[in-house]
Amino acid sequence: MTVLVAVPEGREGPQALHAGAGEARLLDTDLVVLNLTLHTIDVSGLPEDMKVTLLERHGPEDRDPAEAVLDEIDQRPDVQRLVIGMKRRSPVSKALLGSVAQRLLLESPVPVLAVKAED
C-alpha cells in the first residue's frame, strides 16, 4: 500500500509533505511524493528508512495539477490515502476560481487528508 502526497507551491507544500510522511509512518507503508511545484523538492529530511518515490512535473505546460494527481491515483491501485495541502480562501475566490484542493476532495477515489497551512 502507498500514501500519495501532492505537494503544491506555498506554505502548504512542506506541511503536506510532513503530514504525508507521518501518515505513511502511521500506516507503515511507502510514500509517493507528487511535486506540483515548478522547482525541486528536498525530501532529504524524510525518515531514511521510509521508501519514498518522487515524481516531478515537466514544466508549466504540464497537465492540470488536479488531473495529474487523479491520474496518478488511477495508475497506482495501491494508493490508499491522498494527502493534500490547503490554503485559506475567501468565499468569493472559491466561487470564481475553483481550487485544486477542492476538486481533489470531491473527486478522489481514496480517502483524503487535507492539511491547512499555518497562519
N, C-alpha and C. Protein backbone atom coordinates (compact mmCIF):
# COMPACT_ATOMS: atom_id res chain seq x y z
N MET A 1 0.83 -1.18 0.00
CA MET A 1 0.00 0.00 0.00
C MET A 1 0.88 1.25 0.00
N THR A 2 0.26 2.37 -0.38
CA THR A 2 1.02 3.60 -0.56
C THR A 2 0.21 4.81 -0.11
N VAL A 3 0.92 5.82 0.38
CA VAL A 3 0.34 7.14 0.63
C VAL A 3 0.88 8.06 -0.45
N LEU A 4 -0.02 8.78 -1.11
CA LEU A 4 0.36 9.75 -2.14
C LEU A 4 0.19 11.14 -1.54
N VAL A 5 1.23 11.94 -1.60
CA VAL A 5 1.14 13.33 -1.14
C VAL A 5 1.37 14.25 -2.32
N ALA A 6 0.42 15.16 -2.52
CA ALA A 6 0.53 16.16 -3.59
C ALA A 6 1.09 17.43 -2.95
N VAL A 7 2.26 17.85 -3.39
CA VAL A 7 2.96 18.98 -2.78
C VAL A 7 2.82 20.21 -3.67
N PRO A 8 1.99 21.19 -3.24
CA PRO A 8 1.80 22.41 -4.03
C PRO A 8 2.80 23.49 -3.65
N GLU A 9 2.77 24.59 -4.42
CA GLU A 9 3.56 25.77 -4.08
C GLU A 9 3.05 26.36 -2.77
N GLY A 10 3.87 27.15 -2.14
CA GLY A 10 3.44 27.89 -0.96
C GLY A 10 3.71 27.16 0.34
N ARG A 11 3.23 27.79 1.42
CA ARG A 11 3.46 27.26 2.76
C ARG A 11 2.82 25.91 2.99
N GLU A 12 1.73 25.63 2.27
CA GLU A 12 1.03 24.37 2.49
C GLU A 12 1.81 23.17 1.92
N GLY A 13 2.75 23.41 1.01
CA GLY A 13 3.53 22.32 0.42
C GLY A 13 4.36 21.54 1.43
N PRO A 14 5.25 22.21 2.15
CA PRO A 14 6.06 21.48 3.14
C PRO A 14 5.22 20.84 4.24
N GLN A 15 4.11 21.49 4.60
CA GLN A 15 3.24 20.90 5.63
C GLN A 15 2.56 19.64 5.11
N ALA A 16 2.16 19.64 3.84
CA ALA A 16 1.57 18.44 3.26
C ALA A 16 2.60 17.32 3.21
N LEU A 17 3.83 17.65 2.84
CA LEU A 17 4.90 16.65 2.78
C LEU A 17 5.14 16.03 4.16
N HIS A 18 5.22 16.87 5.16
CA HIS A 18 5.43 16.40 6.54
C HIS A 18 4.26 15.51 6.99
N ALA A 19 3.03 15.95 6.70
CA ALA A 19 1.85 15.16 7.09
C ALA A 19 1.80 13.85 6.31
N GLY A 20 2.20 13.88 5.03
CA GLY A 20 2.22 12.66 4.24
C GLY A 20 3.20 11.64 4.79
N ALA A 21 4.37 12.12 5.21
CA ALA A 21 5.36 11.22 5.82
C ALA A 21 4.82 10.63 7.11
N GLY A 22 4.14 11.46 7.89
CA GLY A 22 3.54 10.97 9.14
C GLY A 22 2.47 9.93 8.88
N GLU A 23 1.66 10.15 7.86
CA GLU A 23 0.61 9.21 7.50
C GLU A 23 1.20 7.89 7.00
N ALA A 24 2.25 7.98 6.19
CA ALA A 24 2.92 6.76 5.72
C ALA A 24 3.53 6.00 6.89
N ARG A 25 4.09 6.71 7.83
CA ARG A 25 4.67 6.07 9.02
C ARG A 25 3.56 5.39 9.83
N LEU A 26 2.44 6.09 10.02
CA LEU A 26 1.31 5.56 10.78
C LEU A 26 0.75 4.29 10.13
N LEU A 27 0.66 4.29 8.81
CA LEU A 27 0.11 3.15 8.08
C LEU A 27 1.17 2.11 7.73
N ASP A 28 2.43 2.40 8.09
CA ASP A 28 3.55 1.50 7.81
C ASP A 28 3.61 1.14 6.33
N THR A 29 3.69 2.19 5.51
CA THR A 29 3.66 2.00 4.07
C THR A 29 4.62 2.95 3.37
N ASP A 30 4.69 2.85 2.05
CA ASP A 30 5.56 3.69 1.24
C ASP A 30 4.92 5.06 1.01
N LEU A 31 5.74 6.01 0.60
CA LEU A 31 5.29 7.37 0.32
C LEU A 31 5.64 7.74 -1.12
N VAL A 32 4.65 8.22 -1.86
CA VAL A 32 4.88 8.75 -3.20
C VAL A 32 4.63 10.25 -3.12
N VAL A 33 5.62 11.03 -3.51
CA VAL A 33 5.55 12.49 -3.45
C VAL A 33 5.37 13.01 -4.87
N LEU A 34 4.22 13.64 -5.13
CA LEU A 34 3.95 14.23 -6.44
C LEU A 34 4.21 15.72 -6.34
N ASN A 35 5.27 16.17 -6.97
CA ASN A 35 5.69 17.57 -6.92
C ASN A 35 4.82 18.38 -7.88
N LEU A 36 3.95 19.24 -7.34
CA LEU A 36 3.11 20.11 -8.17
C LEU A 36 3.73 21.48 -8.35
N THR A 37 4.92 21.68 -7.78
CA THR A 37 5.62 22.96 -7.92
C THR A 37 6.47 22.92 -9.19
N LEU A 38 7.09 24.03 -9.49
CA LEU A 38 7.98 24.09 -10.64
C LEU A 38 9.44 24.13 -10.23
N HIS A 39 9.72 23.76 -8.99
CA HIS A 39 11.10 23.65 -8.53
C HIS A 39 11.29 22.30 -7.84
N THR A 40 12.50 21.95 -7.57
CA THR A 40 12.83 20.67 -6.97
C THR A 40 12.45 20.67 -5.49
N ILE A 41 11.91 19.56 -5.05
CA ILE A 41 11.55 19.39 -3.64
C ILE A 41 12.66 18.61 -2.95
N ASP A 42 13.05 19.06 -1.78
CA ASP A 42 14.06 18.37 -0.99
C ASP A 42 13.37 17.36 -0.07
N VAL A 43 13.58 16.08 -0.32
CA VAL A 43 12.99 15.05 0.52
C VAL A 43 14.02 14.45 1.48
N SER A 44 15.18 15.08 1.58
CA SER A 44 16.24 14.54 2.42
C SER A 44 15.88 14.57 3.90
N GLY A 45 14.92 15.39 4.30
CA GLY A 45 14.52 15.44 5.71
C GLY A 45 13.54 14.36 6.11
N LEU A 46 13.10 13.54 5.15
CA LEU A 46 12.18 12.46 5.47
C LEU A 46 12.95 11.31 6.10
N PRO A 47 12.27 10.47 6.88
CA PRO A 47 12.96 9.34 7.53
C PRO A 47 13.72 8.48 6.51
N GLU A 48 14.95 8.14 6.87
CA GLU A 48 15.81 7.39 5.96
C GLU A 48 15.29 5.98 5.68
N ASP A 49 14.55 5.41 6.63
CA ASP A 49 14.07 4.04 6.45
C ASP A 49 12.74 3.99 5.69
N MET A 50 12.20 5.14 5.28
CA MET A 50 10.95 5.19 4.55
C MET A 50 11.23 5.13 3.05
N LYS A 51 10.50 4.26 2.34
CA LYS A 51 10.65 4.20 0.88
C LYS A 51 9.87 5.37 0.29
N VAL A 52 10.59 6.28 -0.39
CA VAL A 52 10.00 7.49 -0.96
C VAL A 52 10.24 7.49 -2.47
N THR A 53 9.17 7.70 -3.22
CA THR A 53 9.26 7.87 -4.67
C THR A 53 8.87 9.30 -4.98
N LEU A 54 9.74 10.03 -5.67
CA LEU A 54 9.49 11.43 -6.00
C LEU A 54 9.14 11.54 -7.48
N LEU A 55 7.98 12.13 -7.78
CA LEU A 55 7.53 12.34 -9.15
C LEU A 55 7.54 13.83 -9.44
N GLU A 56 8.27 14.24 -10.48
CA GLU A 56 8.42 15.65 -10.81
C GLU A 56 7.52 16.06 -11.97
N ARG A 57 7.12 17.32 -11.99
CA ARG A 57 6.41 17.88 -13.14
C ARG A 57 7.44 18.21 -14.21
N HIS A 58 6.96 18.45 -15.42
CA HIS A 58 7.88 18.72 -16.53
C HIS A 58 7.84 20.16 -16.99
N GLY A 59 7.18 21.04 -16.26
CA GLY A 59 7.14 22.45 -16.62
C GLY A 59 5.72 23.00 -16.57
N PRO A 60 5.58 24.31 -16.79
CA PRO A 60 4.26 24.93 -16.66
C PRO A 60 3.25 24.40 -17.67
N GLU A 61 3.71 23.84 -18.77
CA GLU A 61 2.79 23.31 -19.77
C GLU A 61 2.31 21.91 -19.40
N ASP A 62 2.85 21.35 -18.32
CA ASP A 62 2.42 20.04 -17.87
C ASP A 62 0.92 20.08 -17.56
N ARG A 63 0.30 18.94 -17.49
CA ARG A 63 -1.15 18.87 -17.31
C ARG A 63 -1.64 19.54 -16.04
N ASP A 64 -2.94 19.74 -15.99
CA ASP A 64 -3.61 20.33 -14.84
C ASP A 64 -3.20 19.59 -13.56
N PRO A 65 -2.86 20.31 -12.48
CA PRO A 65 -2.40 19.63 -11.27
C PRO A 65 -3.41 18.62 -10.71
N ALA A 66 -4.68 18.98 -10.69
CA ALA A 66 -5.68 18.04 -10.17
C ALA A 66 -5.74 16.79 -11.03
N GLU A 67 -5.68 16.96 -12.34
CA GLU A 67 -5.68 15.81 -13.25
C GLU A 67 -4.44 14.95 -13.02
N ALA A 68 -3.30 15.58 -12.79
CA ALA A 68 -2.06 14.83 -12.55
C ALA A 68 -2.21 13.94 -11.32
N VAL A 69 -2.80 14.49 -10.26
CA VAL A 69 -2.99 13.71 -9.03
C VAL A 69 -3.98 12.58 -9.26
N LEU A 70 -5.11 12.89 -9.86
CA LEU A 70 -6.14 11.86 -10.10
C LEU A 70 -5.62 10.78 -11.04
N ASP A 71 -4.84 11.16 -12.06
CA ASP A 71 -4.24 10.18 -12.96
C ASP A 71 -3.27 9.27 -12.21
N GLU A 72 -2.50 9.86 -11.31
CA GLU A 72 -1.52 9.08 -10.55
C GLU A 72 -2.24 8.07 -9.66
N ILE A 73 -3.36 8.46 -9.07
CA ILE A 73 -4.14 7.53 -8.26
C ILE A 73 -4.68 6.40 -9.13
N ASP A 74 -5.15 6.74 -10.33
CA ASP A 74 -5.66 5.72 -11.25
C ASP A 74 -4.57 4.74 -11.67
N GLN A 75 -3.35 5.23 -11.85
CA GLN A 75 -2.25 4.39 -12.30
C GLN A 75 -1.64 3.56 -11.18
N ARG A 76 -1.94 3.93 -9.95
CA ARG A 76 -1.37 3.24 -8.79
C ARG A 76 -2.50 2.68 -7.92
N PRO A 77 -2.96 1.49 -8.20
CA PRO A 77 -4.06 0.93 -7.41
C PRO A 77 -3.70 0.68 -5.95
N ASP A 78 -2.42 0.76 -5.61
CA ASP A 78 -2.00 0.55 -4.22
C ASP A 78 -2.13 1.80 -3.36
N VAL A 79 -2.49 2.95 -3.95
CA VAL A 79 -2.65 4.18 -3.15
C VAL A 79 -3.88 4.03 -2.26
N GLN A 80 -3.65 4.17 -0.96
CA GLN A 80 -4.75 4.03 -0.01
C GLN A 80 -5.12 5.35 0.67
N ARG A 81 -4.31 6.38 0.48
CA ARG A 81 -4.59 7.68 1.09
C ARG A 81 -3.93 8.75 0.26
N LEU A 82 -4.62 9.89 0.13
CA LEU A 82 -4.09 11.07 -0.53
C LEU A 82 -3.94 12.17 0.51
N VAL A 83 -2.78 12.81 0.53
CA VAL A 83 -2.54 13.94 1.45
C VAL A 83 -2.34 15.18 0.60
N ILE A 84 -3.10 16.23 0.92
CA ILE A 84 -3.02 17.49 0.17
C ILE A 84 -2.86 18.65 1.13
N GLY A 85 -2.25 19.73 0.64
CA GLY A 85 -2.15 20.97 1.40
C GLY A 85 -3.23 21.93 0.93
N MET A 86 -3.75 22.69 1.87
CA MET A 86 -4.81 23.66 1.53
C MET A 86 -4.42 25.03 2.08
N LYS A 87 -4.89 26.07 1.41
CA LYS A 87 -4.71 27.41 1.94
C LYS A 87 -6.08 28.03 2.15
N ARG A 88 -6.12 28.96 3.06
CA ARG A 88 -7.38 29.64 3.37
C ARG A 88 -7.78 30.50 2.19
N ARG A 89 -9.06 30.41 1.81
CA ARG A 89 -9.57 31.19 0.68
C ARG A 89 -10.88 31.85 1.06
N SER A 90 -11.14 32.98 0.46
CA SER A 90 -12.39 33.68 0.72
C SER A 90 -13.52 33.00 -0.05
N PRO A 91 -14.78 33.20 0.37
CA PRO A 91 -15.90 32.61 -0.36
C PRO A 91 -15.96 33.07 -1.83
N VAL A 92 -15.58 34.31 -2.10
CA VAL A 92 -15.60 34.81 -3.48
C VAL A 92 -14.57 34.07 -4.33
N SER A 93 -13.35 33.89 -3.80
CA SER A 93 -12.33 33.20 -4.59
C SER A 93 -12.71 31.75 -4.81
N LYS A 94 -13.39 31.13 -3.85
CA LYS A 94 -13.84 29.76 -4.02
C LYS A 94 -14.86 29.66 -5.15
N ALA A 95 -15.76 30.62 -5.19
CA ALA A 95 -16.83 30.59 -6.19
C ALA A 95 -16.32 30.90 -7.59
N LEU A 96 -15.37 31.82 -7.69
CA LEU A 96 -14.92 32.28 -9.00
C LEU A 96 -13.76 31.48 -9.58
N LEU A 97 -12.84 31.07 -8.75
CA LEU A 97 -11.60 30.49 -9.25
C LEU A 97 -11.51 28.98 -9.14
N GLY A 98 -12.33 28.35 -8.33
CA GLY A 98 -12.18 26.92 -8.13
C GLY A 98 -10.93 26.63 -7.32
N SER A 99 -10.59 25.37 -7.17
CA SER A 99 -9.43 25.03 -6.37
C SER A 99 -8.99 23.61 -6.69
N VAL A 100 -7.69 23.42 -6.80
CA VAL A 100 -7.15 22.08 -7.00
C VAL A 100 -7.52 21.23 -5.79
N ALA A 101 -7.32 21.77 -4.59
CA ALA A 101 -7.62 21.03 -3.37
C ALA A 101 -9.10 20.66 -3.30
N GLN A 102 -9.97 21.61 -3.62
CA GLN A 102 -11.40 21.36 -3.57
C GLN A 102 -11.77 20.24 -4.56
N ARG A 103 -11.22 20.30 -5.74
CA ARG A 103 -11.51 19.27 -6.74
C ARG A 103 -11.03 17.90 -6.28
N LEU A 104 -9.85 17.86 -5.66
CA LEU A 104 -9.33 16.58 -5.17
C LEU A 104 -10.18 16.04 -4.03
N LEU A 105 -10.65 16.93 -3.15
CA LEU A 105 -11.53 16.49 -2.07
C LEU A 105 -12.80 15.87 -2.62
N LEU A 106 -13.34 16.44 -3.68
CA LEU A 106 -14.60 15.96 -4.24
C LEU A 106 -14.45 14.74 -5.16
N GLU A 107 -13.33 14.64 -5.86
CA GLU A 107 -13.20 13.61 -6.89
C GLU A 107 -12.26 12.45 -6.56
N SER A 108 -11.53 12.54 -5.47
CA SER A 108 -10.58 11.48 -5.15
C SER A 108 -11.32 10.17 -4.83
N PRO A 109 -10.86 9.07 -5.43
CA PRO A 109 -11.48 7.77 -5.14
C PRO A 109 -10.95 7.14 -3.84
N VAL A 110 -9.96 7.79 -3.20
CA VAL A 110 -9.41 7.28 -1.95
C VAL A 110 -9.60 8.35 -0.87
N PRO A 111 -9.54 7.96 0.41
CA PRO A 111 -9.67 8.97 1.48
C PRO A 111 -8.60 10.05 1.35
N VAL A 112 -8.97 11.28 1.73
CA VAL A 112 -8.08 12.44 1.61
C VAL A 112 -7.83 13.03 2.99
N LEU A 113 -6.55 13.26 3.29
CA LEU A 113 -6.15 14.01 4.47
C LEU A 113 -5.77 15.40 4.01
N ALA A 114 -6.55 16.40 4.40
CA ALA A 114 -6.30 17.80 3.98
C ALA A 114 -5.60 18.52 5.12
N VAL A 115 -4.46 19.14 4.81
CA VAL A 115 -3.64 19.83 5.80
C VAL A 115 -3.66 21.32 5.50
N LYS A 116 -4.08 22.13 6.48
CA LYS A 116 -4.11 23.58 6.29
C LYS A 116 -2.76 24.19 6.62
N ALA A 117 -2.37 25.19 5.86
CA ALA A 117 -1.14 25.93 6.15
C ALA A 117 -1.33 26.71 7.42
N GLU A 118 -0.30 26.77 8.25
CA GLU A 118 -0.37 27.56 9.47
C GLU A 118 -0.38 29.04 9.13
N ASP A 119 -1.11 29.81 9.91
CA ASP A 119 -1.16 31.27 9.68
C ASP A 119 0.09 31.95 10.15
